[in-house]
């Protein structure tokens, strides 16, 4: 099964990773829809990176595909990318 060790920073990147995992498991969208109880339209839009996909349903798909979702601090080499104007350090 494919692993994805790079950061997922866009809905499209998450969708592509979920599609790759589904295909690696030999599942069609129709089969995943039947297993999850979620509509094929939702699953298709999720895999295409629809930014407004419901978070709860997205997490259901992640779990159903046998994946875990982790939030980890960015490394110090990448931290400049994630700085916000309301940064508490300064």
PDB file of N, CA and C in Angstrom:
ATOM      1  N   UNK A   1       0.826  -1.181   0.000  1.00  0.00           N
ATOM      2  CA  UNK A   1       0.000   0.000   0.000  1.00  0.00           C
ATOM      3  C   UNK A   1       0.874   1.249   0.000  1.00  0.00           C
ATOM      4  N   UNK A   2       0.439   2.280  -0.714  1.00  0.00           N
ATOM      5  CA  UNK A   2       1.267   3.479  -0.782  1.00  0.00           C
ATOM      6  C   UNK A   2       1.327   4.190   0.569  1.00  0.00           C
ATOM      7  N   UNK A   3       2.469   4.783   0.824  1.00  0.00           N
ATOM      8  CA  UNK A   3       2.585   5.630   2.008  1.00  0.00           C
ATOM      9  C   UNK A   3       2.842   7.042   1.529  1.00  0.00           C
ATOM     10  N   UNK A   4       2.434   7.977   2.348  1.00  0.00           N
ATOM     11  CA  UNK A   4       2.578   9.381   1.977  1.00  0.00           C
ATOM     12  C   UNK A   4       3.234  10.085   3.142  1.00  0.00           C
ATOM     13  N   UNK A   5       4.514  10.382   3.016  1.00  0.00           N
ATOM     14  CA  UNK A   5       5.237  11.006   4.112  1.00  0.00           C
ATOM     15  C   UNK A   5       5.451  12.498   3.916  1.00  0.00           C
ATOM     16  N   UNK A   6       4.965  13.038   2.832  1.00  0.00           N
ATOM     17  CA  UNK A   6       5.088  14.472   2.588  1.00  0.00           C
ATOM     18  C   UNK A   6       3.867  15.179   3.184  1.00  0.00           C
ATOM     19  N   UNK A   7       4.016  16.425   3.557  1.00  0.00           N
ATOM     20  CA  UNK A   7       2.872  17.163   4.095  1.00  0.00           C
ATOM     21  C   UNK A   7       1.742  17.267   3.076  1.00  0.00           C
ATOM     22  N   UNK A   8       0.523  17.158   3.568  1.00  0.00           N
ATOM     23  CA  UNK A   8      -0.657  17.376   2.735  1.00  0.00           C
ATOM     24  C   UNK A   8      -1.149  18.770   3.058  1.00  0.00           C
ATOM     25  N   UNK A   9      -0.982  19.688   2.127  1.00  0.00           N
ATOM     26  CA  UNK A   9      -1.295  21.088   2.408  1.00  0.00           C
ATOM     27  C   UNK A   9      -2.496  21.613   1.644  1.00  0.00           C
ATOM     28  N   UNK A  10      -3.025  20.824   0.744  1.00  0.00           N
ATOM     29  CA  UNK A  10      -4.188  21.282  -0.014  1.00  0.00           C
ATOM     30  C   UNK A  10      -5.236  20.167  -0.055  1.00  0.00           C
ATOM     31  N   UNK A  11      -6.483  20.536  -0.267  1.00  0.00           N
ATOM     32  CA  UNK A  11      -7.508  19.505  -0.436  1.00  0.00           C
ATOM     33  C   UNK A  11      -7.188  18.558  -1.600  1.00  0.00           C
ATOM     34  N   UNK A  12      -6.589  19.085  -2.655  1.00  0.00           N
ATOM     35  CA  UNK A  12      -6.245  18.242  -3.808  1.00  0.00           C
ATOM     36  C   UNK A  12      -5.194  17.200  -3.437  1.00  0.00           C
ATOM     37  N   UNK A  13      -4.223  17.581  -2.617  1.00  0.00           N
ATOM     38  CA  UNK A  13      -3.198  16.618  -2.187  1.00  0.00           C
ATOM     39  C   UNK A  13      -3.814  15.526  -1.316  1.00  0.00           C
ATOM     40  N   UNK A  14      -4.730  15.901  -0.427  1.00  0.00           N
ATOM     41  CA  UNK A  14      -5.409  14.906   0.400  1.00  0.00           C
ATOM     42  C   UNK A  14      -6.243  13.981  -0.477  1.00  0.00           C
ATOM     43  N   UNK A  15      -6.979  14.550  -1.413  1.00  0.00           N
ATOM     44  CA  UNK A  15      -7.804  13.748  -2.303  1.00  0.00           C
ATOM     45  C   UNK A  15      -6.987  12.758  -3.119  1.00  0.00           C
ATOM     46  N   UNK A  16      -5.859  13.208  -3.629  1.00  0.00           N
ATOM     47  CA  UNK A  16      -4.999  12.320  -4.421  1.00  0.00           C
ATOM     48  C   UNK A  16      -4.457  11.186  -3.566  1.00  0.00           C
ATOM     49  N   UNK A  17      -4.105  11.480  -2.322  1.00  0.00           N
ATOM     50  CA  UNK A  17      -3.593  10.439  -1.423  1.00  0.00           C
ATOM     51  C   UNK A  17      -4.685   9.421  -1.099  1.00  0.00           C
ATOM     52  N   UNK A  18      -5.905   9.903  -0.886  1.00  0.00           N
ATOM     53  CA  UNK A  18      -7.012   8.981  -0.616  1.00  0.00           C
ATOM     54  C   UNK A  18      -7.337   8.133  -1.836  1.00  0.00           C
ATOM     55  N   UNK A  19      -7.297   8.729  -3.021  1.00  0.00           N
ATOM     56  CA  UNK A  19      -7.543   7.967  -4.251  1.00  0.00           C
ATOM     57  C   UNK A  19      -6.487   6.878  -4.425  1.00  0.00           C
ATOM     58  N   UNK A  20      -5.233   7.228  -4.190  1.00  0.00           N
ATOM     59  CA  UNK A  20      -4.152   6.241  -4.324  1.00  0.00           C
ATOM     60  C   UNK A  20      -4.351   5.085  -3.342  1.00  0.00           C
ATOM     61  N   UNK A  21      -4.766   5.388  -2.127  1.00  0.00           N
ATOM     62  CA  UNK A  21      -4.987   4.344  -1.123  1.00  0.00           C
ATOM     63  C   UNK A  21      -6.170   3.459  -1.518  1.00  0.00           C
ATOM     64  N   UNK A  22      -7.243   4.080  -1.995  1.00  0.00           N
ATOM     65  CA  UNK A  22      -8.407   3.300  -2.432  1.00  0.00           C
ATOM     66  C   UNK A  22      -8.034   2.349  -3.554  1.00  0.00           C
ATOM     67  N   UNK A  23      -7.310   2.874  -4.538  1.00  0.00           N
ATOM     68  CA  UNK A  23      -6.916   2.046  -5.677  1.00  0.00           C
ATOM     69  C   UNK A  23      -5.945   0.947  -5.254  1.00  0.00           C
ATOM     70  N   UNK A  24      -5.051   1.250  -4.318  1.00  0.00           N
ATOM     71  CA  UNK A  24      -4.107   0.244  -3.828  1.00  0.00           C
ATOM     72  C   UNK A  24      -4.844  -0.913  -3.154  1.00  0.00           C
ATOM     73  N   UNK A  25      -6.006  -0.617  -2.593  1.00  0.00           N
ATOM     74  CA  UNK A  25      -6.817  -1.654  -1.956  1.00  0.00           C
ATOM     75  C   UNK A  25      -7.749  -2.350  -2.944  1.00  0.00           C
ATOM     76  N   UNK A  26      -7.680  -1.932  -4.203  1.00  0.00           N
ATOM     77  CA  UNK A  26      -8.488  -2.555  -5.245  1.00  0.00           C
ATOM     78  C   UNK A  26      -9.962  -2.211  -5.161  1.00  0.00           C
ATOM     79  N   UNK A  27     -10.284  -1.064  -4.571  1.00  0.00           N
ATOM     80  CA  UNK A  27     -11.675  -0.650  -4.426  1.00  0.00           C
ATOM     81  C   UNK A  27     -12.064   0.363  -5.494  1.00  0.00           C
ATOM     82  N   UNK A  28     -13.267   0.218  -5.997  1.00  0.00           N
ATOM     83  CA  UNK A  28     -13.832   1.234  -6.880  1.00  0.00           C
ATOM     84  C   UNK A  28     -14.553   2.259  -6.004  1.00  0.00           C
ATOM     85  N   UNK A  29     -14.889   3.393  -6.597  1.00  0.00           N
ATOM     86  CA  UNK A  29     -15.687   4.372  -5.866  1.00  0.00           C
ATOM     87  C   UNK A  29     -17.024   3.764  -5.445  1.00  0.00           C
ATOM     88  N   UNK A  30     -17.611   2.970  -6.308  1.00  0.00           N
ATOM     89  CA  UNK A  30     -18.888   2.332  -6.000  1.00  0.00           C
ATOM     90  C   UNK A  30     -18.763   1.402  -4.791  1.00  0.00           C
ATOM     91  N   UNK A  31     -17.688   0.628  -4.744  1.00  0.00           N
ATOM     92  CA  UNK A  31     -17.474  -0.268  -3.607  1.00  0.00           C
ATOM     93  C   UNK A  31     -17.243   0.521  -2.317  1.00  0.00           C
ATOM     94  N   UNK A  32     -16.435   1.582  -2.399  1.00  0.00           N
ATOM     95  CA  UNK A  32     -16.177   2.402  -1.221  1.00  0.00           C
ATOM     96  C   UNK A  32     -17.459   3.074  -0.757  1.00  0.00           C
ATOM     97  N   UNK A  33     -18.293   3.476  -1.683  1.00  0.00           N
ATOM     98  CA  UNK A  33     -19.577   4.070  -1.343  1.00  0.00           C
ATOM     99  C   UNK A  33     -20.431   3.067  -0.573  1.00  0.00           C
ATOM    100  N   UNK A  34     -20.461   1.835  -1.047  1.00  0.00           N
ATOM    101  CA  UNK A  34     -21.243   0.802  -0.368  1.00  0.00           C
ATOM    102  C   UNK A  34     -20.718   0.487   1.024  1.00  0.00           C
ATOM    103  N   UNK A  35     -19.402   0.464   1.167  1.00  0.00           N
ATOM    104  CA  UNK A  35     -18.789   0.179   2.468  1.00  0.00           C
ATOM    105  C   UNK A  35     -18.982   1.314   3.463  1.00  0.00           C
ATOM    106  N   UNK A  36     -18.940   2.535   2.958  1.00  0.00           N
ATOM    107  CA  UNK A  36     -18.964   3.703   3.839  1.00  0.00           C
ATOM    108  C   UNK A  36     -20.362   4.256   4.086  1.00  0.00           C
ATOM    109  N   UNK A  37     -21.283   3.958   3.178  1.00  0.00           N
ATOM    110  CA  UNK A  37     -22.606   4.567   3.263  1.00  0.00           C
ATOM    111  C   UNK A  37     -22.612   6.003   2.759  1.00  0.00           C
ATOM    112  N   UNK A  38     -21.513   6.436   2.178  1.00  0.00           N
ATOM    113  CA  UNK A  38     -21.409   7.792   1.635  1.00  0.00           C
ATOM    114  C   UNK A  38     -21.657   7.748   0.137  1.00  0.00           C
ATOM    115  N   UNK A  39     -22.179   8.832  -0.389  1.00  0.00           N
ATOM    116  CA  UNK A  39     -22.507   8.880  -1.804  1.00  0.00           C
ATOM    117  C   UNK A  39     -21.275   8.909  -2.700  1.00  0.00           C
ATOM    118  N   UNK A  40     -21.442   8.359  -3.888  1.00  0.00           N
ATOM    119  CA  UNK A  40     -20.339   8.375  -4.849  1.00  0.00           C
ATOM    120  C   UNK A  40     -19.968   9.796  -5.231  1.00  0.00           C
ATOM    121  N   UNK A  41     -20.951  10.684  -5.291  1.00  0.00           N
ATOM    122  CA  UNK A  41     -20.657  12.082  -5.630  1.00  0.00           C
ATOM    123  C   UNK A  41     -19.718  12.690  -4.583  1.00  0.00           C
ATOM    124  N   UNK A  42     -20.033  12.487  -3.297  1.00  0.00           N
ATOM    125  CA  UNK A  42     -19.168  13.015  -2.245  1.00  0.00           C
ATOM    126  C   UNK A  42     -17.764  12.446  -2.376  1.00  0.00           C
ATOM    127  N   UNK A  43     -17.659  11.129  -2.534  1.00  0.00           N
ATOM    128  CA  UNK A  43     -16.343  10.487  -2.606  1.00  0.00           C
ATOM    129  C   UNK A  43     -15.551  10.989  -3.811  1.00  0.00           C
ATOM    130  N   UNK A  44     -16.221  11.141  -4.944  1.00  0.00           N
ATOM    131  CA  UNK A  44     -15.558  11.639  -6.144  1.00  0.00           C
ATOM    132  C   UNK A  44     -15.049  13.062  -5.937  1.00  0.00           C
ATOM    133  N   UNK A  45     -15.900  13.910  -5.348  1.00  0.00           N
ATOM    134  CA  UNK A  45     -15.491  15.292  -5.097  1.00  0.00           C
ATOM    135  C   UNK A  45     -14.346  15.354  -4.087  1.00  0.00           C
ATOM    136  N   UNK A  46     -14.379  14.495  -3.069  1.00  0.00           N
ATOM    137  CA  UNK A  46     -13.298  14.444  -2.091  1.00  0.00           C
ATOM    138  C   UNK A  46     -11.981  14.095  -2.780  1.00  0.00           C
ATOM    139  N   UNK A  47     -11.994  13.079  -3.621  1.00  0.00           N
ATOM    140  CA  UNK A  47     -10.774  12.665  -4.316  1.00  0.00           C
ATOM    141  C   UNK A  47     -10.281  13.716  -5.304  1.00  0.00           C
ATOM    142  N   UNK A  48     -11.174  14.547  -5.801  1.00  0.00           N
ATOM    143  CA  UNK A  48     -10.770  15.615  -6.716  1.00  0.00           C
ATOM    144  C   UNK A  48     -10.347  16.870  -5.976  1.00  0.00           C
ATOM    145  N   UNK A  49     -10.422  16.844  -4.644  1.00  0.00           N
ATOM    146  CA  UNK A  49      -9.916  17.958  -3.853  1.00  0.00           C
ATOM    147  C   UNK A  49     -10.907  19.071  -3.592  1.00  0.00           C
ATOM    148  N   UNK A  50     -12.192  18.742  -3.542  1.00  0.00           N
ATOM    149  CA  UNK A  50     -13.189  19.775  -3.251  1.00  0.00           C
ATOM    150  C   UNK A  50     -12.925  20.340  -1.851  1.00  0.00           C
ATOM    151  N   UNK A  51     -12.682  21.632  -1.794  1.00  0.00           N
ATOM    152  CA  UNK A  51     -12.278  22.274  -0.537  1.00  0.00           C
ATOM    153  C   UNK A  51     -13.383  22.288   0.507  1.00  0.00           C
ATOM    154  N   UNK A  52     -14.623  22.162   0.098  1.00  0.00           N
ATOM    155  CA  UNK A  52     -15.722  22.244   1.052  1.00  0.00           C
ATOM    156  C   UNK A  52     -16.241  20.873   1.490  1.00  0.00           C
ATOM    157  N   UNK A  53     -15.487  19.819   1.228  1.00  0.00           N
ATOM    158  CA  UNK A  53     -15.894  18.479   1.665  1.00  0.00           C
ATOM    159  C   UNK A  53     -16.035  18.469   3.185  1.00  0.00           C
ATOM    160  N   UNK A  54     -17.091  17.814   3.677  1.00  0.00           N
ATOM    161  CA  UNK A  54     -17.352  17.777   5.111  1.00  0.00           C
ATOM    162  C   UNK A  54     -16.242  17.044   5.846  1.00  0.00           C
ATOM    163  N   UNK A  55     -15.757  17.674   6.900  1.00  0.00           N
ATOM    164  CA  UNK A  55     -14.636  17.114   7.656  1.00  0.00           C
ATOM    165  C   UNK A  55     -14.994  15.763   8.276  1.00  0.00           C
ATOM    166  N   UNK A  56     -16.162  15.664   8.876  1.00  0.00           N
ATOM    167  CA  UNK A  56     -16.551  14.409   9.522  1.00  0.00           C
ATOM    168  C   UNK A  56     -16.582  13.249   8.546  1.00  0.00           C
ATOM    169  N   UNK A  57     -17.161  13.474   7.378  1.00  0.00           N
ATOM    170  CA  UNK A  57     -17.224  12.432   6.355  1.00  0.00           C
ATOM    171  C   UNK A  57     -15.825  12.106   5.838  1.00  0.00           C
ATOM    172  N   UNK A  58     -15.005  13.136   5.702  1.00  0.00           N
ATOM    173  CA  UNK A  58     -13.628  12.923   5.238  1.00  0.00           C
ATOM    174  C   UNK A  58     -12.873  12.041   6.215  1.00  0.00           C
ATOM    175  N   UNK A  59     -13.030  12.298   7.503  1.00  0.00           N
ATOM    176  CA  UNK A  59     -12.361  11.478   8.516  1.00  0.00           C
ATOM    177  C   UNK A  59     -12.895  10.046   8.503  1.00  0.00           C
ATOM    178  N   UNK A  60     -14.178   9.858   8.202  1.00  0.00           N
ATOM    179  CA  UNK A  60     -14.739   8.508   8.075  1.00  0.00           C
ATOM    180  C   UNK A  60     -14.040   7.748   6.950  1.00  0.00           C
ATOM    181  N   UNK A  61     -13.855   8.409   5.819  1.00  0.00           N
ATOM    182  CA  UNK A  61     -13.191   7.777   4.674  1.00  0.00           C
ATOM    183  C   UNK A  61     -11.747   7.428   5.035  1.00  0.00           C
ATOM    184  N   UNK A  62     -11.059   8.340   5.683  1.00  0.00           N
ATOM    185  CA  UNK A  62      -9.675   8.090   6.093  1.00  0.00           C
ATOM    186  C   UNK A  62      -9.600   6.833   6.957  1.00  0.00           C
ATOM    187  N   UNK A  63     -10.479   6.729   7.939  1.00  0.00           N
ATOM    188  CA  UNK A  63     -10.477   5.570   8.832  1.00  0.00           C
ATOM    189  C   UNK A  63     -10.863   4.295   8.084  1.00  0.00           C
ATOM    190  N   UNK A  64     -11.862   4.379   7.215  1.00  0.00           N
ATOM    191  CA  UNK A  64     -12.311   3.206   6.471  1.00  0.00           C
ATOM    192  C   UNK A  64     -11.209   2.648   5.580  1.00  0.00           C
ATOM    193  N   UNK A  65     -10.377   3.525   5.061  1.00  0.00           N
ATOM    194  CA  UNK A  65      -9.257   3.084   4.218  1.00  0.00           C
ATOM    195  C   UNK A  65      -8.070   2.593   5.047  1.00  0.00           C
ATOM    196  N   UNK A  66      -8.237   2.556   6.364  1.00  0.00           N
ATOM    197  CA  UNK A  66      -7.181   2.032   7.223  1.00  0.00           C
ATOM    198  C   UNK A  66      -6.061   3.026   7.466  1.00  0.00           C
ATOM    199  N   UNK A  67      -6.367   4.305   7.313  1.00  0.00           N
ATOM    200  CA  UNK A  67      -5.356   5.341   7.493  1.00  0.00           C
ATOM    201  C   UNK A  67      -5.587   6.076   8.810  1.00  0.00           C
ATOM    202  N   UNK A  68      -4.544   6.681   9.318  1.00  0.00           N
ATOM    203  CA  UNK A  68      -4.618   7.551  10.478  1.00  0.00           C
ATOM    204  C   UNK A  68      -4.231   8.952  10.053  1.00  0.00           C
ATOM    205  N   UNK A  69      -4.770   9.919  10.739  1.00  0.00           N
ATOM    206  CA  UNK A  69      -4.486  11.311  10.443  1.00  0.00           C
ATOM    207  C   UNK A  69      -3.764  11.907  11.649  1.00  0.00           C
ATOM    208  N   UNK A  70      -2.580  12.443  11.430  1.00  0.00           N
ATOM    209  CA  UNK A  70      -1.786  13.041  12.491  1.00  0.00           C
ATOM    210  C   UNK A  70      -1.528  14.508  12.180  1.00  0.00           C
ATOM    211  N   UNK A  71      -1.534  15.317  13.202  1.00  0.00           N
ATOM    212  CA  UNK A  71      -1.106  16.704  13.074  1.00  0.00           C
ATOM    213  C   UNK A  71       0.190  16.821  13.851  1.00  0.00           C
ATOM    214  N   UNK A  72       1.242  17.209  13.177  1.00  0.00           N
ATOM    215  CA  UNK A  72       2.543  17.329  13.827  1.00  0.00           C
ATOM    216  C   UNK A  72       3.118  18.707  13.550  1.00  0.00           C
ATOM    217  N   UNK A  73       3.864  19.245  14.502  1.00  0.00           N
ATOM    218  CA  UNK A  73       4.486  20.543  14.258  1.00  0.00           C
ATOM    219  C   UNK A  73       5.427  20.468  13.060  1.00  0.00           C
ATOM    220  N   UNK A  74       5.462  21.531  12.319  1.00  0.00           N
ATOM    221  CA  UNK A  74       6.407  21.600  11.203  1.00  0.00           C
ATOM    222  C   UNK A  74       7.814  21.666  11.761  1.00  0.00           C
ATOM    223  N   UNK A  75       8.754  21.123  11.006  1.00  0.00           N
ATOM    224  CA  UNK A  75      10.147  21.186  11.434  1.00  0.00           C
ATOM    225  C   UNK A  75      10.627  22.631  11.369  1.00  0.00           C
ATOM    226  N   UNK A  76      11.703  22.924  12.048  1.00  0.00           N
ATOM    227  CA  UNK A  76      12.208  24.301  12.079  1.00  0.00           C
ATOM    228  C   UNK A  76      12.599  24.791  10.694  1.00  0.00           C
ATOM    229  N   UNK A  77      12.964  23.885   9.795  1.00  0.00           N
ATOM    230  CA  UNK A  77      13.339  24.300   8.445  1.00  0.00           C
ATOM    231  C   UNK A  77      12.127  24.742   7.644  1.00  0.00           C
ATOM    232  N   UNK A  78      10.928  24.266   8.018  1.00  0.00           N
ATOM    233  CA  UNK A  78       9.719  24.629   7.299  1.00  0.00           C
ATOM    234  C   UNK A  78       8.891  25.657   8.047  1.00  0.00           C
ATOM    235  N   UNK A  79       9.306  26.038   9.238  1.00  0.00           N
ATOM    236  CA  UNK A  79       8.456  26.871  10.070  1.00  0.00           C
ATOM    237  C   UNK A  79       8.227  28.262   9.472  1.00  0.00           C
ATOM    238  N   UNK A  80       9.137  28.772   8.688  1.00  0.00           N
ATOM    239  CA  UNK A  80       8.952  30.095   8.092  1.00  0.00           C
ATOM    240  C   UNK A  80       7.739  30.108   7.170  1.00  0.00           C
ATOM    241  N   UNK A  81       7.445  28.971   6.525  1.00  0.00           N
ATOM    242  CA  UNK A  81       6.291  28.890   5.640  1.00  0.00           C
ATOM    243  C   UNK A  81       4.994  29.028   6.413  1.00  0.00           C
ATOM    244  N   UNK A  82       4.978  28.553   7.649  1.00  0.00           N
ATOM    245  CA  UNK A  82       3.744  28.509   8.405  1.00  0.00           C
ATOM    246  C   UNK A  82       3.547  29.672   9.348  1.00  0.00           C
ATOM    247  N   UNK A  83       4.429  30.658   9.339  1.00  0.00           N
ATOM    248  CA  UNK A  83       4.289  31.810  10.235  1.00  0.00           C
ATOM    249  C   UNK A  83       3.061  32.618   9.839  1.00  0.00           C
ATOM    250  N   UNK A  84       2.345  33.061  10.860  1.00  0.00           N
ATOM    251  CA  UNK A  84       1.162  33.886  10.640  1.00  0.00           C
ATOM    252  C   UNK A  84       1.406  35.260  11.234  1.00  0.00           C
ATOM    253  N   UNK A  85       0.660  36.230  10.792  1.00  0.00           N
ATOM    254  CA  UNK A  85       0.845  37.594  11.286  1.00  0.00           C
ATOM    255  C   UNK A  85       0.501  37.729  12.760  1.00  0.00           C
ATOM    256  N   UNK A  86      -0.267  36.791  13.302  1.00  0.00           N
ATOM    257  CA  UNK A  86      -0.623  36.847  14.708  1.00  0.00           C
ATOM    258  C   UNK A  86       0.247  35.919  15.552  1.00  0.00           C
ATOM    259  N   UNK A  87       1.448  35.652  15.085  1.00  0.00           N
ATOM    260  CA  UNK A  87       2.392  34.785  15.781  1.00  0.00           C
ATOM    261  C   UNK A  87       2.662  35.329  17.185  1.00  0.00           C
ATOM    262  N   UNK A  88       2.532  34.482  18.200  1.00  0.00           N
ATOM    263  CA  UNK A  88       2.650  34.909  19.593  1.00  0.00           C
ATOM    264  C   UNK A  88       4.100  35.169  20.011  1.00  0.00           C
ATOM    265  N   UNK A  89       5.067  34.744  19.214  1.00  0.00           N
ATOM    266  CA  UNK A  89       6.457  34.880  19.622  1.00  0.00           C
ATOM    267  C   UNK A  89       6.994  36.315  19.434  1.00  0.00           C
ATOM    268  N   UNK A  90       6.281  37.141  18.745  1.00  0.00           N
ATOM    269  CA  UNK A  90       6.897  38.416  18.506  1.00  0.00           C
ATOM    270  C   UNK A  90       5.983  39.520  18.482  1.00  0.00           C
TER     271      UNK A  90
END
